[in-house]
Amino acid sequence: MSLFGDGLDAAVHKAFTRPAPKSAGAQMRYLVKQLKGTKAVAQTLRVSQRTVERYVKDQIKKPRPELAARLEREVKKRWQPQIRAKAKEKAASTGGIVIDARARMGYTAPIGSTDQDRIRHLTVALPPVYAARLFDAQEQGATDQQLQVIAAEALKEVYFQDGGRRAGSLEEVRFTDVEHLEFEL
């Protein structure tokens, strides 16, 4: 499970104008249309082509839990690509992104600093440049750790340094033990 990647996806999914198909048959029909054939869907979902055809005809209605999860993930990945692109573009150019996190945070600063790592619950509006960096890194296949580093840099600049108005000598922000993470566009 990718905490940061899934959080970014969930934020984009909130921008959808229509709900994704819910039933297994409707999801299969959507994937068949998107992938242009039952064979491609069968390979994507790791099932037989005949199984896909049975779902399309509503001969099978209830998939196994692991197939249902794969099916839902593949549909959401392809659902409303233009709406998804517009939401990402808006966040990356003008809107920014809001991060709501409960995690262990601290920082490294010159000698004499007294702040230790501690659990903090922050809700911070990040500027568009960080939204763009997060979405670009996600599209390029960044790991959860890499997305976490980008989020830590954003929190350093926006929350700890307040855009350069304080804590100018701050070296690094630690952002670990994430208990809760949510993004809003």
Foldseek 3Di string as FASTA:
>chain_A
DQALLVQLLVQLVVLDPDDFDDWQLSLLVVVCVVVVHLVVVCVQLVHDSVVSVCSVVVVDTDDDPVSSVSSVVVRSVPPPPVSSVVVLVCCQPPNPKKKWWWFFKDFDFPPPDDTDTDTDTDIFGFHNNLSNVLVVCVVVPHGSVVSVQSVQVRCCCCPVCVNVVDPVRIDGMDTDPIPDIHMHD
